[in-house]
Amino acid sequence: MPNDTKIFLDYTQEQLDQAYDQLVWAPHRDAIQAEIRKDCEAVRKALPPRTERYGKSEVQLLDIFAPKGASKVPALVYLHGGAWLRGSRLDTVRQ
């Protein structure tokens, strides 16, 4: 029997879980992410990044992609999605 108890505003737990589960909204997510990973591997091979640590944790790493000898150039900062649940710095570069 489904639990229809409202726990936040007018939402049940099941409705909240679905609202924040990206797979509900993008059923082909895994195939899309596989393509993104392929693109990322190609970019990393062509332009290897410099990886810097910004914290003590093993996941607190930042990749810097810059042409050799670049100095005083504009920067683009990209924070990947993933709802803090999946994905990593290794699969967020797009060509």
PDB file of N, CA and C in Angstrom:
ATOM      1  N   MET A   1       0.846  -1.184   0.000  1.00  0.00           N
ATOM      2  CA  MET A   1       0.000   0.000   0.000  1.00  0.00           C
ATOM      3  C   MET A   1       0.888   1.242   0.000  1.00  0.00           C
ATOM      4  N   PRO A   2       0.717   2.133  -0.971  1.00  0.00           N
ATOM      5  CA  PRO A   2       1.584   3.319  -1.051  1.00  0.00           C
ATOM      6  C   PRO A   2       1.354   4.259   0.126  1.00  0.00           C
ATOM      7  N   ASN A   3       2.427   4.901   0.507  1.00  0.00           N
ATOM      8  CA  ASN A   3       2.340   5.873   1.596  1.00  0.00           C
ATOM      9  C   ASN A   3       2.031   7.231   0.992  1.00  0.00           C
ATOM     10  N   ASP A   4       0.856   7.759   1.274  1.00  0.00           N
ATOM     11  CA  ASP A   4       0.473   9.057   0.700  1.00  0.00           C
ATOM     12  C   ASP A   4       0.566  10.188   1.726  1.00  0.00           C
ATOM     13  N   THR A   5       1.396   9.977   2.763  1.00  0.00           N
ATOM     14  CA  THR A   5       1.598  11.003   3.777  1.00  0.00           C
ATOM     15  C   THR A   5       2.394  12.157   3.186  1.00  0.00           C
ATOM     16  N   LYS A   6       1.877  13.356   3.322  1.00  0.00           N
ATOM     17  CA  LYS A   6       2.569  14.548   2.830  1.00  0.00           C
ATOM     18  C   LYS A   6       3.672  14.895   3.827  1.00  0.00           C
ATOM     19  N   ILE A   7       4.899  15.028   3.322  1.00  0.00           N
ATOM     20  CA  ILE A   7       6.000  15.322   4.236  1.00  0.00           C
ATOM     21  C   ILE A   7       6.615  16.695   4.008  1.00  0.00           C
ATOM     22  N   PHE A   8       6.375  17.271   2.827  1.00  0.00           N
ATOM     23  CA  PHE A   8       6.877  18.616   2.551  1.00  0.00           C
ATOM     24  C   PHE A   8       5.894  19.291   1.616  1.00  0.00           C
ATOM     25  N   LEU A   9       5.382  20.429   2.035  1.00  0.00           N
ATOM     26  CA  LEU A   9       4.332  21.110   1.300  1.00  0.00           C
ATOM     27  C   LEU A   9       3.245  20.095   0.953  1.00  0.00           C
ATOM     28  N   ASP A  10       2.984  19.874  -0.320  1.00  0.00           N
ATOM     29  CA  ASP A  10       1.935  18.928  -0.686  1.00  0.00           C
ATOM     30  C   ASP A  10       2.517  17.671  -1.337  1.00  0.00           C
ATOM     31  N   TYR A  11       3.773  17.346  -1.005  1.00  0.00           N
ATOM     32  CA  TYR A  11       4.469  16.222  -1.626  1.00  0.00           C
ATOM     33  C   TYR A  11       4.624  15.049  -0.666  1.00  0.00           C
ATOM     34  N   THR A  12       4.468  13.846  -1.221  1.00  0.00           N
ATOM     35  CA  THR A  12       4.789  12.637  -0.469  1.00  0.00           C
ATOM     36  C   THR A  12       6.280  12.365  -0.648  1.00  0.00           C
ATOM     37  N   GLN A  13       6.810  11.424   0.112  1.00  0.00           N
ATOM     38  CA  GLN A  13       8.225  11.074  -0.040  1.00  0.00           C
ATOM     39  C   GLN A  13       8.493  10.547  -1.444  1.00  0.00           C
ATOM     40  N   GLU A  14       7.604   9.733  -1.965  1.00  0.00           N
ATOM     41  CA  GLU A  14       7.775   9.188  -3.311  1.00  0.00           C
ATOM     42  C   GLU A  14       7.815  10.298  -4.362  1.00  0.00           C
ATOM     43  N   GLN A  15       6.957  11.293  -4.219  1.00  0.00           N
ATOM     44  CA  GLN A  15       6.938  12.403  -5.178  1.00  0.00           C
ATOM     45  C   GLN A  15       8.222  13.227  -5.089  1.00  0.00           C
ATOM     46  N   LEU A  16       8.710  13.439  -3.880  1.00  0.00           N
ATOM     47  CA  LEU A  16       9.976  14.167  -3.717  1.00  0.00           C
ATOM     48  C   LEU A  16      11.136  13.379  -4.319  1.00  0.00           C
ATOM     49  N   ASP A  17      11.163  12.081  -4.065  1.00  0.00           N
ATOM     50  CA  ASP A  17      12.237  11.252  -4.621  1.00  0.00           C
ATOM     51  C   ASP A  17      12.232  11.321  -6.146  1.00  0.00           C
ATOM     52  N   GLN A  18      11.064  11.261  -6.754  1.00  0.00           N
ATOM     53  CA  GLN A  18      10.977  11.334  -8.214  1.00  0.00           C
ATOM     54  C   GLN A  18      11.396  12.702  -8.732  1.00  0.00           C
ATOM     55  N   ALA A  19      11.049  13.755  -8.004  1.00  0.00           N
ATOM     56  CA  ALA A  19      11.398  15.102  -8.445  1.00  0.00           C
ATOM     57  C   ALA A  19      12.908  15.319  -8.479  1.00  0.00           C
ATOM     58  N   TYR A  20      13.640  14.622  -7.608  1.00  0.00           N
ATOM     59  CA  TYR A  20      15.085  14.807  -7.537  1.00  0.00           C
ATOM     60  C   TYR A  20      15.867  13.672  -8.182  1.00  0.00           C
ATOM     61  N   ASP A  21      15.197  12.704  -8.773  1.00  0.00           N
ATOM     62  CA  ASP A  21      15.870  11.609  -9.459  1.00  0.00           C
ATOM     63  C   ASP A  21      15.944  11.953 -10.943  1.00  0.00           C
ATOM     64  N   GLN A  22      17.122  12.268 -11.422  1.00  0.00           N
ATOM     65  CA  GLN A  22      17.283  12.704 -12.797  1.00  0.00           C
ATOM     66  C   GLN A  22      16.911  11.616 -13.800  1.00  0.00           C
ATOM     67  N   LEU A  23      16.997  10.366 -13.396  1.00  0.00           N
ATOM     68  CA  LEU A  23      16.655   9.281 -14.299  1.00  0.00           C
ATOM     69  C   LEU A  23      15.171   9.310 -14.679  1.00  0.00           C
ATOM     70  N   VAL A  24      14.322   9.818 -13.789  1.00  0.00           N
ATOM     71  CA  VAL A  24      12.898   9.950 -14.085  1.00  0.00           C
ATOM     72  C   VAL A  24      12.702  10.913 -15.249  1.00  0.00           C
ATOM     73  N   TRP A  25      13.483  11.981 -15.271  1.00  0.00           N
ATOM     74  CA  TRP A  25      13.329  13.037 -16.276  1.00  0.00           C
ATOM     75  C   TRP A  25      14.185  12.800 -17.516  1.00  0.00           C
ATOM     76  N   ALA A  26      15.222  12.011 -17.394  1.00  0.00           N
ATOM     77  CA  ALA A  26      16.111  11.719 -18.527  1.00  0.00           C
ATOM     78  C   ALA A  26      16.358  10.212 -18.567  1.00  0.00           C
ATOM     79  N   PRO A  27      15.387   9.453 -19.101  1.00  0.00           N
ATOM     80  CA  PRO A  27      15.508   7.996 -19.058  1.00  0.00           C
ATOM     81  C   PRO A  27      16.716   7.445 -19.819  1.00  0.00           C
ATOM     82  N   HIS A  28      17.306   8.218 -20.702  1.00  0.00           N
ATOM     83  CA  HIS A  28      18.483   7.772 -21.455  1.00  0.00           C
ATOM     84  C   HIS A  28      19.774   8.323 -20.855  1.00  0.00           C
ATOM     85  N   ARG A  29      19.714   8.696 -19.588  1.00  0.00           N
ATOM     86  CA  ARG A  29      20.845   9.317 -18.920  1.00  0.00           C
ATOM     87  C   ARG A  29      22.130   8.522 -19.054  1.00  0.00           C
ATOM     88  N   ASP A  30      22.070   7.218 -18.829  1.00  0.00           N
ATOM     89  CA  ASP A  30      23.289   6.418 -18.846  1.00  0.00           C
ATOM     90  C   ASP A  30      23.957   6.425 -20.221  1.00  0.00           C
ATOM     91  N   ALA A  31      23.170   6.360 -21.290  1.00  0.00           N
ATOM     92  CA  ALA A  31      23.724   6.415 -22.646  1.00  0.00           C
ATOM     93  C   ALA A  31      24.338   7.790 -22.921  1.00  0.00           C
ATOM     94  N   ILE A  32      23.666   8.835 -22.461  1.00  0.00           N
ATOM     95  CA  ILE A  32      24.173  10.203 -22.639  1.00  0.00           C
ATOM     96  C   ILE A  32      25.485  10.365 -21.888  1.00  0.00           C
ATOM     97  N   GLN A  33      25.541   9.881 -20.653  1.00  0.00           N
ATOM     98  CA  GLN A  33      26.763  10.010 -19.865  1.00  0.00           C
ATOM     99  C   GLN A  33      27.912   9.209 -20.470  1.00  0.00           C
ATOM    100  N   ALA A  34      27.616   8.077 -21.097  1.00  0.00           N
ATOM    101  CA  ALA A  34      28.669   7.288 -21.754  1.00  0.00           C
ATOM    102  C   ALA A  34      29.282   8.086 -22.908  1.00  0.00           C
ATOM    103  N   GLU A  35      28.439   8.790 -23.672  1.00  0.00           N
ATOM    104  CA  GLU A  35      28.943   9.629 -24.768  1.00  0.00           C
ATOM    105  C   GLU A  35      29.779  10.783 -24.218  1.00  0.00           C
ATOM    106  N   ILE A  36      29.317  11.386 -23.143  1.00  0.00           N
ATOM    107  CA  ILE A  36      30.067  12.489 -22.532  1.00  0.00           C
ATOM    108  C   ILE A  36      31.430  11.986 -22.069  1.00  0.00           C
ATOM    109  N   ARG A  37      31.474  10.799 -21.445  1.00  0.00           N
ATOM    110  CA  ARG A  37      32.744  10.241 -20.990  1.00  0.00           C
ATOM    111  C   ARG A  37      33.715  10.044 -22.154  1.00  0.00           C
ATOM    112  N   LYS A  38      33.212   9.577 -23.302  1.00  0.00           N
ATOM    113  CA  LYS A  38      34.066   9.409 -24.490  1.00  0.00           C
ATOM    114  C   LYS A  38      34.642  10.751 -24.927  1.00  0.00           C
ATOM    115  N   ASP A  39      33.797  11.784 -24.955  1.00  0.00           N
ATOM    116  CA  ASP A  39      34.267  13.127 -25.314  1.00  0.00           C
ATOM    117  C   ASP A  39      35.332  13.603 -24.332  1.00  0.00           C
ATOM    118  N   CYS A  40      35.090  13.362 -23.061  1.00  0.00           N
ATOM    119  CA  CYS A  40      36.025  13.812 -22.024  1.00  0.00           C
ATOM    120  C   CYS A  40      37.386  13.142 -22.183  1.00  0.00           C
ATOM    121  N   GLU A  41      37.364  11.851 -22.443  1.00  0.00           N
ATOM    122  CA  GLU A  41      38.625  11.133 -22.621  1.00  0.00           C
ATOM    123  C   GLU A  41      39.408  11.690 -23.803  1.00  0.00           C
ATOM    124  N   ALA A  42      38.715  12.045 -24.876  1.00  0.00           N
ATOM    125  CA  ALA A  42      39.384  12.603 -26.056  1.00  0.00           C
ATOM    126  C   ALA A  42      40.002  13.962 -25.738  1.00  0.00           C
ATOM    127  N   VAL A  43      39.272  14.803 -25.026  1.00  0.00           N
ATOM    128  CA  VAL A  43      39.795  16.128 -24.662  1.00  0.00           C
ATOM    129  C   VAL A  43      40.984  15.984 -23.731  1.00  0.00           C
ATOM    130  N   ARG A  44      40.873  15.112 -22.739  1.00  0.00           N
ATOM    131  CA  ARG A  44      41.971  14.918 -21.790  1.00  0.00           C
ATOM    132  C   ARG A  44      43.224  14.384 -22.486  1.00  0.00           C
ATOM    133  N   LYS A  45      43.035  13.578 -23.521  1.00  0.00           N
ATOM    134  CA  LYS A  45      44.174  13.049 -24.271  1.00  0.00           C
ATOM    135  C   LYS A  45      44.827  14.162 -25.100  1.00  0.00           C
ATOM    136  N   ALA A  46      44.001  15.001 -25.730  1.00  0.00           N
ATOM    137  CA  ALA A  46      44.519  16.082 -26.578  1.00  0.00           C
ATOM    138  C   ALA A  46      45.096  17.242 -25.769  1.00  0.00           C
ATOM    139  N   LEU A  47      44.502  17.522 -24.627  1.00  0.00           N
ATOM    140  CA  LEU A  47      44.929  18.657 -23.800  1.00  0.00           C
ATOM    141  C   LEU A  47      44.940  18.232 -22.330  1.00  0.00           C
ATOM    142  N   PRO A  48      45.957  17.488 -21.918  1.00  0.00           N
ATOM    143  CA  PRO A  48      45.985  17.000 -20.534  1.00  0.00           C
ATOM    144  C   PRO A  48      45.918  18.163 -19.538  1.00  0.00           C
ATOM    145  N   PRO A  49      45.047  18.036 -18.539  1.00  0.00           N
ATOM    146  CA  PRO A  49      44.915  19.118 -17.569  1.00  0.00           C
ATOM    147  C   PRO A  49      45.990  19.052 -16.479  1.00  0.00           C
ATOM    148  N   ARG A  50      46.147  20.147 -15.794  1.00  0.00           N
ATOM    149  CA  ARG A  50      46.941  20.194 -14.573  1.00  0.00           C
ATOM    150  C   ARG A  50      45.938  20.045 -13.434  1.00  0.00           C
ATOM    151  N   THR A  51      46.152  19.102 -12.548  1.00  0.00           N
ATOM    152  CA  THR A  51      45.213  18.851 -11.456  1.00  0.00           C
ATOM    153  C   THR A  51      45.762  19.449 -10.169  1.00  0.00           C
ATOM    154  N   GLU A  52      44.924  20.237  -9.511  1.00  0.00           N
ATOM    155  CA  GLU A  52      45.297  20.883  -8.252  1.00  0.00           C
ATOM    156  C   GLU A  52      44.331  20.444  -7.161  1.00  0.00           C
ATOM    157  N   ARG A  53      44.835  20.271  -5.968  1.00  0.00           N
ATOM    158  CA  ARG A  53      44.020  19.919  -4.808  1.00  0.00           C
ATOM    159  C   ARG A  53      43.536  21.203  -4.128  1.00  0.00           C
ATOM    160  N   TYR A  54      42.256  21.251  -3.774  1.00  0.00           N
ATOM    161  CA  TYR A  54      41.739  22.415  -3.053  1.00  0.00           C
ATOM    162  C   TYR A  54      41.223  22.052  -1.666  1.00  0.00           C
ATOM    163  N   GLY A  55      41.411  20.813  -1.258  1.00  0.00           N
ATOM    164  CA  GLY A  55      40.982  20.365   0.066  1.00  0.00           C
ATOM    165  C   GLY A  55      41.705  19.085   0.431  1.00  0.00           C
ATOM    166  N   LYS A  56      41.371  18.543   1.578  1.00  0.00           N
ATOM    167  CA  LYS A  56      42.048  17.339   2.076  1.00  0.00           C
ATOM    168  C   LYS A  56      41.478  16.047   1.491  1.00  0.00           C
ATOM    169  N   SER A  57      40.242  16.070   1.063  1.00  0.00           N
ATOM    170  CA  SER A  57      39.582  14.870   0.554  1.00  0.00           C
ATOM    171  C   SER A  57      40.140  14.473  -0.807  1.00  0.00           C
ATOM    172  N   GLU A  58      40.067  13.183  -1.107  1.00  0.00           N
ATOM    173  CA  GLU A  58      40.524  12.679  -2.397  1.00  0.00           C
ATOM    174  C   GLU A  58      39.700  13.216  -3.562  1.00  0.00           C
ATOM    175  N   VAL A  59      38.466  13.643  -3.300  1.00  0.00           N
ATOM    176  CA  VAL A  59      37.627  14.153  -4.385  1.00  0.00           C
ATOM    177  C   VAL A  59      37.726  15.670  -4.532  1.00  0.00           C
ATOM    178  N   GLN A  60      38.457  16.321  -3.680  1.00  0.00           N
ATOM    179  CA  GLN A  60      38.591  17.776  -3.753  1.00  0.00           C
ATOM    180  C   GLN A  60      39.762  18.138  -4.674  1.00  0.00           C
ATOM    181  N   LEU A  61      39.511  17.890  -5.957  1.00  0.00           N
ATOM    182  CA  LEU A  61      40.511  18.144  -6.982  1.00  0.00           C
ATOM    183  C   LEU A  61      39.902  19.021  -8.066  1.00  0.00           C
ATOM    184  N   LEU A  62      40.729  19.839  -8.667  1.00  0.00           N
ATOM    185  CA  LEU A  62      40.309  20.761  -9.711  1.00  0.00           C
ATOM    186  C   LEU A  62      41.226  20.570 -10.910  1.00  0.00           C
ATOM    187  N   ASP A  63      40.639  20.406 -12.082  1.00  0.00           N
ATOM    188  CA  ASP A  63      41.437  20.274 -13.299  1.00  0.00           C
ATOM    189  C   ASP A  63      41.504  21.615 -14.006  1.00  0.00           C
ATOM    190  N   ILE A  64      42.705  21.971 -14.432  1.00  0.00           N
ATOM    191  CA  ILE A  64      42.921  23.234 -15.130  1.00  0.00           C
ATOM    192  C   ILE A  64      43.386  22.912 -16.540  1.00  0.00           C
ATOM    193  N   PHE A  65      42.583  23.333 -17.509  1.00  0.00           N
ATOM    194  CA  PHE A  65      42.915  23.124 -18.917  1.00  0.00           C
ATOM    195  C   PHE A  65      43.381  24.467 -19.469  1.00  0.00           C
ATOM    196  N   ALA A  66      44.616  24.525 -19.889  1.00  0.00           N
ATOM    197  CA  ALA A  66      45.156  25.774 -20.424  1.00  0.00           C
ATOM    198  C   ALA A  66      46.223  25.445 -21.461  1.00  0.00           C
ATOM    199  N   PRO A  67      46.299  26.254 -22.500  1.00  0.00           N
ATOM    200  CA  PRO A  67      47.376  26.043 -23.472  1.00  0.00           C
ATOM    201  C   PRO A  67      48.729  26.243 -22.799  1.00  0.00           C
ATOM    202  N   LYS A  68      49.725  25.541 -23.279  1.00  0.00           N
ATOM    203  CA  LYS A  68      51.074  25.671 -22.732  1.00  0.00           C
ATOM    204  C   LYS A  68      51.514  27.130 -22.775  1.00  0.00           C
ATOM    205  N   GLY A  69      52.047  27.618 -21.678  1.00  0.00           N
ATOM    206  CA  GLY A  69      52.560  28.977 -21.612  1.00  0.00           C
ATOM    207  C   GLY A  69      51.490  30.045 -21.450  1.00  0.00           C
ATOM    208  N   ALA A  70      50.232  29.664 -21.245  1.00  0.00           N
ATOM    209  CA  ALA A  70      49.156  30.659 -21.100  1.00  0.00           C
ATOM    210  C   ALA A  70      49.395  31.488 -19.847  1.00  0.00           C
ATOM    211  N   SER A  71      49.184  32.775 -19.987  1.00  0.00           N
ATOM    212  CA  SER A  71      49.372  33.695 -18.862  1.00  0.00           C
ATOM    213  C   SER A  71      48.408  34.858 -19.020  1.00  0.00           C
ATOM    214  N   LYS A  72      47.775  35.233 -17.938  1.00  0.00           N
ATOM    215  CA  LYS A  72      46.855  36.377 -17.926  1.00  0.00           C
ATOM    216  C   LYS A  72      45.789  36.255 -19.018  1.00  0.00           C
ATOM    217  N   VAL A  73      45.175  35.091 -19.080  1.00  0.00           N
ATOM    218  CA  VAL A  73      44.107  34.853 -20.049  1.00  0.00           C
ATOM    219  C   VAL A  73      42.786  34.681 -19.303  1.00  0.00           C
ATOM    220  N   PRO A  74      41.671  34.926 -19.965  1.00  0.00           N
ATOM    221  CA  PRO A  74      40.371  34.727 -19.305  1.00  0.00           C
ATOM    222  C   PRO A  74      40.201  33.270 -18.870  1.00  0.00           C
ATOM    223  N   ALA A  75      39.395  33.075 -17.854  1.00  0.00           N
ATOM    224  CA  ALA A  75      39.145  31.725 -17.344  1.00  0.00           C
ATOM    225  C   ALA A  75      37.651  31.429 -17.339  1.00  0.00           C
ATOM    226  N   LEU A  76      37.332  30.197 -17.578  1.00  0.00           N
ATOM    227  CA  LEU A  76      35.964  29.721 -17.486  1.00  0.00           C
ATOM    228  C   LEU A  76      35.938  28.682 -16.374  1.00  0.00           C
ATOM    229  N   VAL A  77      35.049  28.850 -15.418  1.00  0.00           N
ATOM    230  CA  VAL A  77      34.908  27.888 -14.336  1.00  0.00           C
ATOM    231  C   VAL A  77      33.622  27.118 -14.582  1.00  0.00           C
ATOM    232  N   TYR A  78      33.725  25.801 -14.644  1.00  0.00           N
ATOM    233  CA  TYR A  78      32.569  24.953 -14.902  1.00  0.00           C
ATOM    234  C   TYR A  78      32.355  24.027 -13.712  1.00  0.00           C
ATOM    235  N   LEU A  79      31.178  24.103 -13.123  1.00  0.00           N
ATOM    236  CA  LEU A  79      30.814  23.200 -12.030  1.00  0.00           C
ATOM    237  C   LEU A  79      29.809  22.211 -12.593  1.00  0.00           C
ATOM    238  N   HIS A  80      30.178  20.945 -12.581  1.00  0.00           N
ATOM    239  CA  HIS A  80      29.299  19.941 -13.198  1.00  0.00           C
ATOM    240  C   HIS A  80      28.068  19.700 -12.339  1.00  0.00           C
ATOM    241  N   GLY A  81      27.034  19.228 -13.013  1.00  0.00           N
ATOM    242  CA  GLY A  81      25.824  18.825 -12.306  1.00  0.00           C
ATOM    243  C   GLY A  81      26.044  17.451 -11.708  1.00  0.00           C
ATOM    244  N   GLY A  82      24.992  16.784 -11.401  1.00  0.00           N
ATOM    245  CA  GLY A  82      25.135  15.455 -10.825  1.00  0.00           C
ATOM    246  C   GLY A  82      24.419  15.349  -9.503  1.00  0.00           C
ATOM    247  N   ALA A  83      23.792  16.443  -9.097  1.00  0.00           N
ATOM    248  CA  ALA A  83      23.012  16.456  -7.866  1.00  0.00           C
ATOM    249  C   ALA A  83      23.843  15.982  -6.669  1.00  0.00           C
ATOM    250  N   TRP A  84      25.150  16.160  -6.741  1.00  0.00           N
ATOM    251  CA  TRP A  84      26.064  15.740  -5.686  1.00  0.00           C
ATOM    252  C   TRP A  84      25.993  14.230  -5.457  1.00  0.00           C
ATOM    253  N   LEU A  85      25.459  13.498  -6.449  1.00  0.00           N
ATOM    254  CA  LEU A  85      25.300  12.057  -6.299  1.00  0.00           C
ATOM    255  C   LEU A  85      26.148  11.260  -7.279  1.00  0.00           C
ATOM    256  N   ARG A  86      26.359  11.791  -8.458  1.00  0.00           N
ATOM    257  CA  ARG A  86      27.067  11.041  -9.487  1.00  0.00           C
ATOM    258  C   ARG A  86      27.853  12.016 -10.360  1.00  0.00           C
ATOM    259  N   GLY A  87      28.710  11.433 -11.185  1.00  0.00           N
ATOM    260  CA  GLY A  87      29.539  12.268 -12.035  1.00  0.00           C
ATOM    261  C   GLY A  87      30.784  12.716 -11.287  1.00  0.00           C
ATOM    262  N   SER A  88      31.763  13.177 -12.036  1.00  0.00           N
ATOM    263  CA  SER A  88      32.997  13.643 -11.416  1.00  0.00           C
ATOM    264  C   SER A  88      33.700  14.601 -12.360  1.00  0.00           C
ATOM    265  N   ARG A  89      34.808  15.118 -11.914  1.00  0.00           N
ATOM    266  CA  ARG A  89      35.595  16.020 -12.746  1.00  0.00           C
ATOM    267  C   ARG A  89      36.121  15.295 -13.973  1.00  0.00           C
ATOM    268  N   LEU A  90      36.149  13.976 -13.932  1.00  0.00           N
ATOM    269  CA  LEU A  90      36.681  13.202 -15.049  1.00  0.00           C
ATOM    270  C   LEU A  90      35.704  13.053 -16.210  1.00  0.00           C
ATOM    271  N   ASP A  91      34.448  13.365 -15.996  1.00  0.00           N
ATOM    272  CA  ASP A  91      33.481  13.206 -17.089  1.00  0.00           C
ATOM    273  C   ASP A  91      32.613  14.445 -17.292  1.00  0.00           C
ATOM    274  N   THR A  92      33.257  15.619 -17.271  1.00  0.00           N
ATOM    275  CA  THR A  92      32.488  16.840 -17.426  1.00  0.00           C
ATOM    276  C   THR A  92      33.019  17.760 -18.512  1.00  0.00           C
ATOM    277  N   VAL A  93      34.035  17.378 -19.205  1.00  0.00           N
ATOM    278  CA  VAL A  93      34.595  18.226 -20.258  1.00  0.00           C
ATOM    279  C   VAL A  93      33.828  17.972 -21.536  1.00  0.00           C
ATOM    280  N   ARG A  94      33.374  19.017 -22.203  1.00  0.00           N
ATOM    281  CA  ARG A  94      32.669  18.864 -23.482  1.00  0.00           C
ATOM    282  C   ARG A  94      33.510  19.500 -24.578  1.00  0.00           C
ATOM    283  N   GLN A  95      33.518  18.874 -25.752  1.00  0.00           N
ATOM    284  CA  GLN A  95      34.255  19.422 -26.891  1.00  0.00           C
ATOM    285  C   GLN A  95      33.441  20.510 -27.529  1.00  0.00           C
TER     286      GLN A  95
END
